[in-house]
N, C-alpha and C. Protein backbone atom coordinates (compact mmCIF):
# COMPACT_ATOMS: atom_id res chain seq x y z
N MET A 1 0.84 -1.15 -0.03
CA MET A 1 0.07 0.00 -0.03
C MET A 1 0.93 1.25 0.01
N ARG A 2 0.43 2.20 -0.89
CA ARG A 2 1.31 3.35 -0.96
C ARG A 2 0.96 4.22 0.29
N LYS A 3 1.86 5.30 0.53
CA LYS A 3 1.68 6.18 1.63
C LYS A 3 0.71 7.36 1.18
N TYR A 4 -0.33 7.66 1.94
CA TYR A 4 -1.12 8.74 1.50
C TYR A 4 -0.93 10.06 2.37
N ASN A 5 -0.32 9.78 3.52
CA ASN A 5 0.31 10.90 4.32
C ASN A 5 -0.78 11.94 4.74
N LEU A 6 -1.97 11.53 5.09
CA LEU A 6 -2.98 12.47 5.54
C LEU A 6 -2.75 13.00 6.94
N GLY A 7 -2.20 12.18 7.85
CA GLY A 7 -1.91 12.65 9.10
C GLY A 7 -3.01 12.43 10.07
N PHE A 8 -4.25 12.85 9.72
CA PHE A 8 -5.25 12.73 10.63
C PHE A 8 -6.11 11.36 10.59
N ILE A 9 -5.78 10.58 9.67
CA ILE A 9 -6.20 9.20 9.53
C ILE A 9 -5.23 8.25 8.91
N SER A 10 -5.15 7.05 9.42
CA SER A 10 -4.07 6.18 8.84
C SER A 10 -4.30 5.74 7.49
N ASP A 11 -3.22 5.31 6.78
CA ASP A 11 -3.23 4.91 5.46
C ASP A 11 -4.21 3.74 5.32
N GLU A 12 -4.13 2.79 6.29
CA GLU A 12 -4.98 1.59 6.17
C GLU A 12 -6.46 1.87 6.42
N ASP A 13 -6.79 2.81 7.31
CA ASP A 13 -8.13 3.14 7.65
C ASP A 13 -8.81 3.83 6.45
N ILE A 14 -8.03 4.77 5.85
CA ILE A 14 -8.68 5.63 4.75
C ILE A 14 -8.84 4.60 3.48
N PHE A 15 -7.90 3.71 3.27
CA PHE A 15 -7.97 2.82 2.16
C PHE A 15 -9.12 1.83 2.38
N ASN A 16 -9.26 1.28 3.50
CA ASN A 16 -10.39 0.27 3.79
C ASN A 16 -11.79 1.05 3.73
N HIS A 17 -11.77 2.23 4.16
CA HIS A 17 -13.05 3.01 4.19
C HIS A 17 -13.53 3.31 2.78
N VAL A 18 -12.58 3.71 1.95
CA VAL A 18 -12.89 3.94 0.48
C VAL A 18 -13.25 2.67 -0.15
N LYS A 19 -12.61 1.58 0.14
CA LYS A 19 -12.89 0.30 -0.47
C LYS A 19 -14.19 -0.16 -0.12
N ASN A 20 -14.66 0.05 1.16
CA ASN A 20 -16.01 -0.32 1.55
C ASN A 20 -17.06 0.42 0.89
N THR A 21 -16.79 1.71 0.59
CA THR A 21 -17.75 2.53 -0.28
C THR A 21 -17.83 2.09 -1.60
N VAL A 22 -16.74 1.80 -2.24
CA VAL A 22 -16.61 1.21 -3.59
C VAL A 22 -17.46 -0.12 -3.63
N THR A 23 -17.40 -0.92 -2.75
CA THR A 23 -18.07 -2.24 -2.71
C THR A 23 -19.60 -2.04 -2.69
N GLN A 24 -19.98 -0.99 -1.97
CA GLN A 24 -21.46 -0.69 -1.85
C GLN A 24 -21.96 0.17 -3.06
N TYR A 25 -21.09 0.62 -3.89
CA TYR A 25 -21.52 1.51 -5.02
C TYR A 25 -22.39 0.83 -5.98
N ARG A 26 -23.48 1.31 -6.40
CA ARG A 26 -24.41 0.64 -7.34
C ARG A 26 -23.93 0.92 -8.69
N ARG A 27 -23.96 -0.14 -9.54
CA ARG A 27 -23.55 0.08 -11.00
C ARG A 27 -24.61 -0.38 -11.86
N SER A 28 -25.60 -1.03 -11.44
CA SER A 28 -26.65 -1.62 -12.36
C SER A 28 -28.04 -1.72 -11.58
N ILE A 29 -29.06 -1.97 -12.35
CA ILE A 29 -30.34 -2.12 -11.77
C ILE A 29 -31.13 -3.13 -12.61
N ASN A 30 -31.85 -3.99 -11.91
CA ASN A 30 -32.63 -5.03 -12.65
C ASN A 30 -34.18 -4.65 -12.68
N LEU A 31 -34.88 -5.28 -13.38
CA LEU A 31 -36.36 -4.99 -13.54
C LEU A 31 -37.08 -5.00 -12.20
N ARG A 32 -36.84 -5.94 -11.36
CA ARG A 32 -37.43 -6.00 -10.06
C ARG A 32 -37.15 -4.78 -9.25
N GLU A 33 -35.89 -4.38 -9.22
CA GLU A 33 -35.44 -3.17 -8.46
C GLU A 33 -36.10 -1.96 -9.05
N PHE A 34 -36.11 -1.85 -10.44
CA PHE A 34 -36.67 -0.74 -11.11
C PHE A 34 -38.10 -0.53 -10.75
N ASN A 35 -38.85 -1.63 -10.65
CA ASN A 35 -40.28 -1.60 -10.47
C ASN A 35 -40.66 -1.32 -8.97
N LYS A 36 -39.70 -1.32 -8.09
CA LYS A 36 -39.92 -0.93 -6.70
C LYS A 36 -40.44 0.37 -6.57
N ASN A 37 -39.81 1.28 -7.48
CA ASN A 37 -40.28 2.71 -7.45
C ASN A 37 -41.48 2.87 -8.52
N ILE A 38 -42.58 3.45 -8.06
CA ILE A 38 -43.73 3.68 -8.94
C ILE A 38 -43.35 4.68 -10.00
N ILE A 39 -43.38 4.18 -11.20
CA ILE A 39 -43.03 5.11 -12.34
C ILE A 39 -44.34 5.47 -13.05
N ASP A 40 -44.50 6.81 -13.14
CA ASP A 40 -45.73 7.25 -13.84
C ASP A 40 -45.58 7.19 -15.35
N PRO A 41 -46.32 6.31 -16.01
CA PRO A 41 -46.28 6.08 -17.34
C PRO A 41 -46.61 7.34 -18.14
N ILE A 42 -47.33 8.21 -17.60
CA ILE A 42 -47.72 9.49 -18.32
C ILE A 42 -46.47 10.40 -18.33
N LYS A 43 -45.73 10.40 -17.22
CA LYS A 43 -44.40 11.31 -17.17
C LYS A 43 -43.52 10.70 -18.14
N LEU A 44 -43.35 9.33 -18.19
CA LEU A 44 -42.29 8.73 -19.07
C LEU A 44 -42.72 9.06 -20.55
N THR A 45 -44.06 9.19 -21.00
CA THR A 45 -44.53 9.38 -22.21
C THR A 45 -44.12 10.88 -22.51
N PHE A 46 -44.54 11.78 -21.62
CA PHE A 46 -44.19 13.15 -21.77
C PHE A 46 -42.60 13.24 -21.92
N ASP A 47 -41.76 12.75 -21.11
CA ASP A 47 -40.37 12.83 -21.26
C ASP A 47 -39.86 12.30 -22.51
N SER A 48 -40.43 11.18 -22.99
CA SER A 48 -39.93 10.53 -24.27
C SER A 48 -40.24 11.50 -25.50
N LYS A 49 -41.44 12.15 -25.48
CA LYS A 49 -41.81 13.01 -26.66
C LYS A 49 -41.05 14.37 -26.62
N ILE A 50 -41.08 14.89 -25.40
CA ILE A 50 -40.48 16.17 -25.35
C ILE A 50 -39.01 16.25 -25.54
N TYR A 51 -38.27 15.23 -25.08
CA TYR A 51 -36.93 15.16 -25.18
C TYR A 51 -36.42 14.39 -26.47
N GLY A 52 -37.37 14.03 -27.30
CA GLY A 52 -37.14 13.38 -28.51
C GLY A 52 -36.46 11.97 -28.36
N GLN A 53 -36.83 11.21 -27.31
CA GLN A 53 -36.23 10.01 -27.01
C GLN A 53 -37.15 8.93 -27.45
N THR A 54 -36.62 7.70 -27.60
CA THR A 54 -37.43 6.50 -27.72
C THR A 54 -37.81 6.10 -26.24
N MET A 55 -38.83 5.35 -26.03
CA MET A 55 -39.21 4.98 -24.75
C MET A 55 -38.14 4.18 -24.01
N ARG A 56 -37.33 3.38 -24.74
CA ARG A 56 -36.19 2.68 -24.23
C ARG A 56 -35.17 3.70 -23.59
N GLN A 57 -34.82 4.77 -24.32
CA GLN A 57 -33.93 5.69 -23.94
C GLN A 57 -34.38 6.46 -22.74
N THR A 58 -35.66 6.74 -22.63
CA THR A 58 -36.26 7.36 -21.54
C THR A 58 -36.16 6.52 -20.31
N ILE A 59 -36.50 5.22 -20.41
CA ILE A 59 -36.41 4.22 -19.33
C ILE A 59 -34.99 4.15 -18.75
N GLU A 60 -34.05 4.09 -19.79
CA GLU A 60 -32.60 4.11 -19.41
C GLU A 60 -32.25 5.23 -18.61
N SER A 61 -32.67 6.44 -18.97
CA SER A 61 -32.50 7.60 -18.14
C SER A 61 -32.99 7.57 -16.88
N GLU A 62 -34.14 6.99 -16.66
CA GLU A 62 -34.80 6.80 -15.34
C GLU A 62 -33.94 5.81 -14.53
N CYS A 63 -33.47 4.72 -15.19
CA CYS A 63 -32.56 3.86 -14.47
C CYS A 63 -31.26 4.58 -13.91
N ILE A 64 -30.70 5.27 -14.73
CA ILE A 64 -29.54 6.00 -14.35
C ILE A 64 -29.84 6.99 -13.14
N ARG A 65 -30.97 7.70 -13.19
CA ARG A 65 -31.34 8.47 -12.16
C ARG A 65 -31.50 7.79 -10.79
N GLN A 66 -32.21 6.53 -10.86
CA GLN A 66 -32.29 5.73 -9.73
C GLN A 66 -30.93 5.24 -9.07
N ILE A 67 -30.11 4.85 -10.04
CA ILE A 67 -28.67 4.37 -9.63
C ILE A 67 -27.97 5.55 -9.01
N ASP A 68 -28.14 6.82 -9.62
CA ASP A 68 -27.41 7.90 -8.99
C ASP A 68 -27.83 8.38 -7.66
N LYS A 69 -29.28 8.14 -7.48
CA LYS A 69 -29.82 8.58 -6.19
C LYS A 69 -29.35 7.55 -5.09
N THR A 70 -29.13 6.28 -5.38
CA THR A 70 -28.60 5.34 -4.44
C THR A 70 -27.15 5.71 -4.16
N ASN A 71 -26.43 6.06 -5.14
CA ASN A 71 -25.00 6.27 -4.92
C ASN A 71 -24.81 7.57 -4.12
N ASN A 72 -25.64 8.60 -4.19
CA ASN A 72 -25.59 9.74 -3.36
C ASN A 72 -25.63 9.34 -1.92
N ASN A 73 -26.60 8.41 -1.67
CA ASN A 73 -26.72 7.86 -0.28
C ASN A 73 -25.32 7.19 0.15
N ARG A 74 -24.66 6.54 -0.83
CA ARG A 74 -23.43 5.87 -0.48
C ARG A 74 -22.32 6.92 -0.13
N ILE A 75 -22.38 8.06 -0.84
CA ILE A 75 -21.48 9.16 -0.49
C ILE A 75 -21.77 9.71 0.80
N GLY A 76 -23.13 9.68 1.22
CA GLY A 76 -23.46 10.19 2.41
C GLY A 76 -22.78 9.24 3.57
N TYR A 77 -22.91 8.00 3.31
CA TYR A 77 -22.19 6.97 4.14
C TYR A 77 -20.76 7.29 4.22
N PHE A 78 -20.09 7.52 3.05
CA PHE A 78 -18.63 7.77 3.09
C PHE A 78 -18.30 8.93 4.10
N HIS A 79 -19.01 10.01 3.93
CA HIS A 79 -18.59 11.22 4.71
C HIS A 79 -18.90 10.86 6.26
N GLN A 80 -20.12 10.36 6.54
CA GLN A 80 -20.53 10.09 8.01
C GLN A 80 -19.54 9.15 8.69
N TYR A 81 -19.40 7.94 8.00
CA TYR A 81 -18.63 7.03 8.77
C TYR A 81 -17.12 7.12 8.65
N LEU A 82 -16.65 8.05 7.86
CA LEU A 82 -15.24 8.48 8.01
C LEU A 82 -14.92 9.08 9.34
N PHE A 83 -15.90 9.69 9.78
CA PHE A 83 -15.73 10.40 11.19
C PHE A 83 -15.49 9.47 12.21
N LYS A 84 -15.81 8.27 12.17
CA LYS A 84 -15.56 7.26 13.32
C LYS A 84 -14.06 7.10 13.62
N TYR A 85 -13.25 7.48 12.54
CA TYR A 85 -11.73 7.36 12.71
C TYR A 85 -11.08 8.53 13.35
N ALA A 86 -11.90 9.55 13.67
CA ALA A 86 -11.39 10.77 14.20
C ALA A 86 -10.83 10.67 15.58
N GLY A 87 -11.41 9.73 16.34
CA GLY A 87 -10.96 9.74 17.75
C GLY A 87 -11.32 10.94 18.58
N ASN A 88 -10.67 11.17 19.68
CA ASN A 88 -10.95 12.41 20.46
C ASN A 88 -12.39 12.56 20.90
N GLY A 89 -13.03 11.57 21.16
CA GLY A 89 -14.43 11.60 21.59
C GLY A 89 -15.46 11.68 20.54
N TRP A 90 -15.14 11.56 19.26
CA TRP A 90 -16.20 11.66 18.27
C TRP A 90 -16.77 10.40 17.98
N GLU A 91 -18.03 10.33 17.85
CA GLU A 91 -18.82 9.12 17.68
C GLU A 91 -19.72 9.19 16.39
N VAL A 92 -19.86 7.96 15.72
CA VAL A 92 -20.96 7.92 14.72
C VAL A 92 -21.92 6.78 15.17
N PRO A 93 -22.93 7.22 15.87
CA PRO A 93 -23.86 6.36 16.50
C PRO A 93 -24.75 5.62 15.38
N GLU A 94 -25.19 4.44 15.79
CA GLU A 94 -26.20 3.73 14.93
C GLU A 94 -27.37 4.54 14.67
N ASN A 95 -28.05 4.15 13.66
CA ASN A 95 -29.26 5.06 13.26
C ASN A 95 -30.30 5.03 14.45
N GLY A 96 -30.74 6.22 14.88
CA GLY A 96 -31.79 6.20 16.02
C GLY A 96 -31.20 6.17 17.39
N ASP A 97 -29.84 5.91 17.56
CA ASP A 97 -29.26 6.00 18.77
C ASP A 97 -28.72 7.38 19.14
N LYS A 98 -28.73 7.62 20.39
CA LYS A 98 -28.17 9.04 20.88
C LYS A 98 -28.95 10.14 20.21
N GLY A 99 -30.18 10.08 20.09
CA GLY A 99 -30.96 11.24 19.56
C GLY A 99 -30.93 11.29 18.14
N GLY A 100 -30.45 10.28 17.41
CA GLY A 100 -30.54 10.27 15.90
C GLY A 100 -29.49 11.18 15.26
N PHE A 101 -28.51 11.68 16.08
CA PHE A 101 -27.44 12.44 15.39
C PHE A 101 -26.58 11.64 14.49
N ASP A 102 -26.04 12.22 13.40
CA ASP A 102 -25.20 11.53 12.57
C ASP A 102 -23.75 11.47 13.18
N VAL A 103 -23.32 12.50 13.72
CA VAL A 103 -22.03 12.55 14.31
C VAL A 103 -22.14 13.33 15.66
N LEU A 104 -21.38 13.03 16.68
CA LEU A 104 -21.47 13.76 17.90
C LEU A 104 -20.25 13.64 18.71
N ASN A 105 -20.07 14.57 19.73
CA ASN A 105 -18.91 14.49 20.71
C ASN A 105 -19.61 14.96 21.97
N ASP A 106 -19.93 13.95 22.84
CA ASP A 106 -20.48 14.33 24.14
C ASP A 106 -19.62 15.19 24.96
N GLU A 107 -18.30 14.92 24.90
CA GLU A 107 -17.25 15.61 25.75
C GLU A 107 -17.26 17.03 25.36
N LEU A 108 -17.41 17.41 24.06
CA LEU A 108 -17.25 18.78 23.60
C LEU A 108 -18.64 19.35 23.52
N HIS A 109 -19.77 18.53 23.68
CA HIS A 109 -21.23 19.01 23.60
C HIS A 109 -21.43 19.52 22.18
N LEU A 110 -20.89 18.76 21.10
CA LEU A 110 -21.20 19.01 19.73
C LEU A 110 -22.05 17.94 19.12
N TYR A 111 -23.18 18.34 18.52
CA TYR A 111 -24.06 17.41 17.89
C TYR A 111 -24.42 17.83 16.48
N VAL A 112 -24.18 16.85 15.53
CA VAL A 112 -24.28 17.17 14.07
C VAL A 112 -25.44 16.35 13.42
N GLU A 113 -26.11 17.12 12.57
CA GLU A 113 -26.97 16.50 11.57
C GLU A 113 -26.43 16.80 10.18
N MET A 114 -26.29 15.87 9.31
CA MET A 114 -25.77 16.05 7.97
C MET A 114 -26.86 15.95 7.01
N LYS A 115 -27.07 17.11 6.21
CA LYS A 115 -28.15 17.28 5.31
C LYS A 115 -27.63 17.75 3.99
N TYR A 116 -28.45 17.42 2.90
CA TYR A 116 -28.19 17.99 1.55
C TYR A 116 -29.07 19.15 1.43
N ARG A 117 -28.44 20.36 1.28
CA ARG A 117 -29.18 21.62 1.13
C ARG A 117 -30.16 21.84 2.18
N PRO A 118 -29.74 21.84 3.38
CA PRO A 118 -30.84 22.12 4.44
C PRO A 118 -31.56 23.42 4.37
N SER A 119 -31.11 24.43 3.77
CA SER A 119 -31.78 25.65 3.59
C SER A 119 -32.99 25.52 2.59
N LYS A 120 -32.88 24.48 1.72
CA LYS A 120 -33.86 24.21 0.71
C LYS A 120 -34.98 23.20 1.15
N MET A 121 -34.84 22.69 2.35
CA MET A 121 -35.74 21.67 2.85
C MET A 121 -37.15 22.26 2.87
N LYS A 122 -38.16 21.35 2.86
CA LYS A 122 -39.55 21.79 2.87
C LYS A 122 -39.67 22.24 4.35
N ASN A 123 -40.72 23.07 4.45
CA ASN A 123 -41.04 23.64 5.75
C ASN A 123 -41.33 22.68 6.82
N SER A 124 -42.11 21.47 6.38
CA SER A 124 -42.31 20.53 7.41
C SER A 124 -41.02 19.90 8.03
N ALA A 125 -39.98 19.72 7.10
CA ALA A 125 -38.79 19.11 7.44
C ALA A 125 -37.93 20.02 8.40
N LYS A 126 -37.95 21.36 7.98
CA LYS A 126 -37.30 22.44 8.77
C LYS A 126 -38.00 22.48 10.18
N ARG A 127 -39.21 22.36 10.15
CA ARG A 127 -39.95 22.51 11.45
C ARG A 127 -39.63 21.44 12.46
N ALA A 128 -39.53 20.17 11.90
CA ALA A 128 -39.12 19.05 12.68
C ALA A 128 -37.70 19.10 13.13
N LEU A 129 -36.78 19.73 12.32
CA LEU A 129 -35.39 19.85 12.72
C LEU A 129 -35.33 20.96 13.81
N ILE A 130 -36.08 21.95 13.75
CA ILE A 130 -36.14 23.06 14.72
C ILE A 130 -36.52 22.57 16.01
N ILE A 131 -37.59 21.74 16.02
CA ILE A 131 -38.05 21.19 17.32
C ILE A 131 -36.94 20.26 17.98
N ARG A 132 -36.27 19.51 17.16
CA ARG A 132 -35.20 18.61 17.72
C ARG A 132 -34.03 19.44 18.21
N ALA A 133 -33.68 20.50 17.51
CA ALA A 133 -32.67 21.36 17.85
C ALA A 133 -32.79 22.09 19.16
N PHE A 134 -34.06 22.75 19.22
CA PHE A 134 -34.31 23.47 20.42
C PHE A 134 -34.51 22.69 21.62
N ASP A 135 -35.05 21.46 21.38
CA ASP A 135 -35.16 20.39 22.58
C ASP A 135 -33.82 20.01 23.10
N LYS A 136 -32.83 19.89 22.19
CA LYS A 136 -31.41 19.59 22.69
C LYS A 136 -30.85 20.79 23.32
N LEU A 137 -31.03 22.00 22.70
CA LEU A 137 -30.40 23.17 23.32
C LEU A 137 -30.84 23.51 24.67
N ILE A 138 -32.14 23.19 24.86
CA ILE A 138 -32.70 23.38 26.15
C ILE A 138 -32.21 22.38 27.28
N ARG A 139 -32.19 21.21 26.86
CA ARG A 139 -31.86 20.10 27.73
C ARG A 139 -30.37 20.16 28.09
N ASP A 140 -29.50 20.71 27.23
CA ASP A 140 -28.08 20.75 27.41
C ASP A 140 -27.55 22.11 27.02
N ARG A 141 -27.36 22.94 28.18
CA ARG A 141 -27.09 24.38 28.02
C ARG A 141 -25.63 24.50 27.37
N LYS A 142 -24.93 23.52 27.25
CA LYS A 142 -23.50 23.73 26.64
C LYS A 142 -23.54 23.19 25.22
N ALA A 143 -24.63 22.71 24.74
CA ALA A 143 -24.70 22.05 23.42
C ALA A 143 -24.56 23.09 22.30
N ILE A 144 -23.90 22.66 21.28
CA ILE A 144 -23.91 23.31 20.01
C ILE A 144 -24.54 22.36 19.00
N TYR A 145 -25.54 22.82 18.39
CA TYR A 145 -26.32 21.95 17.45
C TYR A 145 -25.86 22.47 15.98
N ILE A 146 -25.19 21.52 15.31
CA ILE A 146 -24.67 21.87 14.00
C ILE A 146 -25.43 21.17 12.89
N VAL A 147 -25.91 21.88 11.97
CA VAL A 147 -26.49 21.21 10.66
C VAL A 147 -25.50 21.47 9.57
N ALA A 148 -24.92 20.31 9.07
CA ALA A 148 -23.84 20.38 8.12
C ALA A 148 -24.36 20.19 6.64
N ASP A 149 -24.07 21.18 5.79
CA ASP A 149 -24.49 20.98 4.43
C ASP A 149 -23.63 20.30 3.52
N MET A 150 -23.96 19.09 3.16
CA MET A 150 -23.14 18.19 2.47
C MET A 150 -22.69 18.65 1.20
N GLN A 151 -23.43 19.67 0.61
CA GLN A 151 -23.09 20.16 -0.79
C GLN A 151 -22.55 21.59 -0.74
N ASP A 152 -22.17 22.09 0.36
CA ASP A 152 -21.55 23.27 0.48
C ASP A 152 -19.97 23.17 0.90
N TYR A 153 -19.19 23.70 0.13
CA TYR A 153 -17.74 23.54 0.35
C TYR A 153 -17.09 24.90 0.53
N SER A 154 -17.89 25.87 0.97
CA SER A 154 -17.35 27.24 0.89
C SER A 154 -16.85 27.79 2.32
N SER A 155 -16.43 26.72 3.19
CA SER A 155 -15.86 27.11 4.40
C SER A 155 -16.74 28.07 5.30
N VAL A 156 -17.94 27.72 5.44
CA VAL A 156 -18.95 28.50 6.19
C VAL A 156 -19.26 27.85 7.51
N ASP A 157 -19.32 28.74 8.62
CA ASP A 157 -19.76 28.25 9.96
C ASP A 157 -20.50 29.47 10.50
N VAL A 158 -21.86 29.45 10.37
CA VAL A 158 -22.57 30.63 10.87
C VAL A 158 -23.80 30.28 11.76
N ILE A 159 -24.24 31.18 12.43
CA ILE A 159 -25.53 30.96 13.17
C ILE A 159 -26.59 30.83 12.18
N TRP A 160 -27.35 29.78 12.23
CA TRP A 160 -28.39 29.59 11.25
C TRP A 160 -29.72 30.21 11.54
N LYS A 161 -30.25 31.05 10.68
CA LYS A 161 -31.51 31.69 10.77
C LYS A 161 -32.40 30.82 9.89
N VAL A 162 -33.33 30.11 10.50
CA VAL A 162 -34.20 29.27 9.76
C VAL A 162 -35.57 29.92 9.37
N ASN A 163 -35.87 30.13 8.20
CA ASN A 163 -37.08 30.75 7.77
C ASN A 163 -38.15 29.69 7.45
N ILE A 164 -39.17 29.71 8.13
CA ILE A 164 -40.31 28.71 7.95
C ILE A 164 -41.69 29.61 7.74
N GLY A 165 -42.02 29.75 6.55
CA GLY A 165 -43.22 30.71 6.33
C GLY A 165 -42.84 32.07 6.60
N GLU A 166 -43.61 32.73 7.40
CA GLU A 166 -43.33 34.20 7.78
C GLU A 166 -42.44 34.20 9.05
N ASP A 167 -42.12 33.10 9.71
CA ASP A 167 -41.45 33.02 10.92
C ASP A 167 -39.93 32.76 10.65
N THR A 168 -39.08 33.27 11.57
CA THR A 168 -37.64 33.06 11.57
C THR A 168 -37.22 32.60 12.88
N TYR A 169 -36.44 31.45 12.94
CA TYR A 169 -35.92 30.88 14.13
C TYR A 169 -34.44 30.90 14.12
N SER A 170 -33.85 31.24 15.30
CA SER A 170 -32.35 31.13 15.36
C SER A 170 -31.98 31.14 16.79
N ASN A 171 -30.77 30.64 17.04
CA ASN A 171 -30.16 30.58 18.38
C ASN A 171 -28.69 30.58 18.14
N GLU A 172 -27.96 31.28 19.05
CA GLU A 172 -26.43 31.39 18.90
C GLU A 172 -25.80 30.11 19.08
N ARG A 173 -26.54 29.00 19.40
CA ARG A 173 -25.91 27.76 19.55
C ARG A 173 -26.44 26.72 18.41
N LEU A 174 -27.12 27.26 17.51
CA LEU A 174 -27.55 26.53 16.32
C LEU A 174 -26.74 27.03 15.02
N HIS A 175 -25.99 26.20 14.53
CA HIS A 175 -25.00 26.53 13.51
C HIS A 175 -25.38 25.87 12.22
N LEU A 176 -25.14 26.53 11.13
CA LEU A 176 -25.09 25.97 9.73
C LEU A 176 -23.64 25.93 9.31
N MET A 177 -23.19 24.80 8.88
CA MET A 177 -21.70 24.49 8.58
C MET A 177 -21.60 23.90 7.29
N SER A 178 -20.70 24.29 6.46
CA SER A 178 -20.30 23.53 5.33
C SER A 178 -19.51 22.32 5.60
N ILE A 179 -19.54 21.31 4.57
CA ILE A 179 -18.94 20.00 4.84
C ILE A 179 -17.46 20.15 5.13
N ASP A 180 -16.72 21.11 4.37
CA ASP A 180 -15.26 21.22 4.61
C ASP A 180 -15.07 21.74 6.10
N LYS A 181 -15.80 22.60 6.55
CA LYS A 181 -15.55 23.09 7.92
C LYS A 181 -15.90 21.99 9.02
N LEU A 182 -16.86 21.03 8.59
CA LEU A 182 -17.13 20.00 9.54
C LEU A 182 -15.86 19.04 9.61
N TYR A 183 -15.20 18.77 8.31
CA TYR A 183 -14.10 17.97 8.32
C TYR A 183 -13.00 18.57 9.21
N ASP A 184 -12.77 19.93 9.11
CA ASP A 184 -11.80 20.61 9.82
C ASP A 184 -12.04 20.37 11.42
N MET A 185 -13.27 20.54 11.81
CA MET A 185 -13.64 20.54 13.23
C MET A 185 -13.45 19.05 13.78
N VAL A 186 -14.01 18.11 13.00
CA VAL A 186 -13.97 16.73 13.58
C VAL A 186 -12.54 16.24 13.52
N PHE A 187 -11.75 16.36 12.54
CA PHE A 187 -10.42 15.98 12.53
C PHE A 187 -9.34 16.87 13.11
N ASN A 188 -9.83 18.01 13.50
CA ASN A 188 -9.02 19.03 14.18
C ASN A 188 -7.81 19.36 13.35
N GLN A 189 -7.98 19.60 12.03
CA GLN A 189 -6.98 19.92 11.06
C GLN A 189 -7.58 20.77 9.96
N ASP A 190 -6.99 21.93 9.80
CA ASP A 190 -7.47 22.81 8.59
C ASP A 190 -7.18 22.06 7.33
N GLY A 191 -8.10 22.08 6.39
CA GLY A 191 -7.87 21.61 5.07
C GLY A 191 -7.90 20.05 5.01
N ALA A 192 -8.59 19.46 6.04
CA ALA A 192 -8.75 17.96 6.06
C ALA A 192 -9.56 17.54 4.84
N TYR A 193 -10.56 18.20 4.58
CA TYR A 193 -11.54 17.89 3.37
C TYR A 193 -10.85 18.05 2.09
N THR A 194 -9.97 19.10 1.86
CA THR A 194 -9.29 19.35 0.66
C THR A 194 -8.15 18.18 0.50
N ALA A 195 -7.64 17.77 1.63
CA ALA A 195 -6.52 16.67 1.58
C ALA A 195 -7.16 15.47 1.18
N ILE A 196 -8.39 15.12 1.73
CA ILE A 196 -9.07 13.89 1.27
C ILE A 196 -9.43 13.91 -0.30
N CYS A 197 -9.88 15.14 -0.72
CA CYS A 197 -10.22 15.25 -2.18
C CYS A 197 -8.98 14.99 -3.04
N LYS A 198 -7.81 15.53 -2.60
CA LYS A 198 -6.57 15.35 -3.37
C LYS A 198 -6.08 13.88 -3.50
N VAL A 199 -6.29 13.17 -2.32
CA VAL A 199 -5.58 11.80 -2.29
C VAL A 199 -6.63 10.83 -2.74
N LEU A 200 -7.88 11.12 -2.82
CA LEU A 200 -8.96 10.14 -3.22
C LEU A 200 -8.74 9.43 -4.61
N PRO A 201 -8.28 10.24 -5.67
CA PRO A 201 -8.03 9.47 -6.83
C PRO A 201 -6.97 8.43 -6.81
N ASP A 202 -5.90 8.65 -6.03
CA ASP A 202 -4.88 7.60 -5.85
C ASP A 202 -5.37 6.33 -5.15
N ILE A 203 -6.21 6.66 -4.11
CA ILE A 203 -6.75 5.48 -3.33
C ILE A 203 -7.65 4.74 -4.34
N LEU A 204 -8.58 5.28 -5.03
CA LEU A 204 -9.44 4.61 -5.97
C LEU A 204 -8.61 3.85 -6.98
N SER A 205 -7.53 4.47 -7.51
CA SER A 205 -6.65 3.75 -8.40
C SER A 205 -5.97 2.54 -7.71
N ASP A 206 -5.68 2.60 -6.48
CA ASP A 206 -5.09 1.43 -5.80
C ASP A 206 -6.08 0.32 -5.63
N ILE A 207 -7.24 0.78 -5.32
CA ILE A 207 -8.33 -0.20 -5.15
C ILE A 207 -8.74 -1.04 -6.40
N ASN A 208 -8.77 -0.19 -7.52
CA ASN A 208 -9.07 -0.88 -8.85
C ASN A 208 -7.89 -1.60 -9.46
């Protein structure tokens, strides 16, 4: 195994974690799996005619969309479970355990939910998140509740003002954080996310 020299995670751990993600990556879909999702035949017909495709091409596009959706979940797995190697009190609890947080550190009173575009969530989802957040902040006066945006790489860590209809909710201990800042915080190293991005092609080449 070549040296990846990340410093905040061992060569063996990052290699095995990437390999586990590759193993889970979806590459194909069969008819039974395709039919698990209810496909509107009217929409397929519209798509076929409007985009100038044969029905076969339209169905192939839908297959690719379903595969891509699954693989987005795999990337979510990659990010979340990478943090279990951070040490220093960081945990990745099983689903539903410890309040349903994706990542947490009880010693530092840091609690993280990882979301894709949280600011774009439906109002019902935002409302449920705010209830969870304020409940935690009331119960633990030292808690910092972090909502990490999995698709934001702009080094942001701000107090989150959540707009729901005409109402705005905020708290100085409720933060909106970009994924790169989350990496910096959990691994306690500036540029940890960028370092992973740079070495990932080499790791994937070694696996393949």
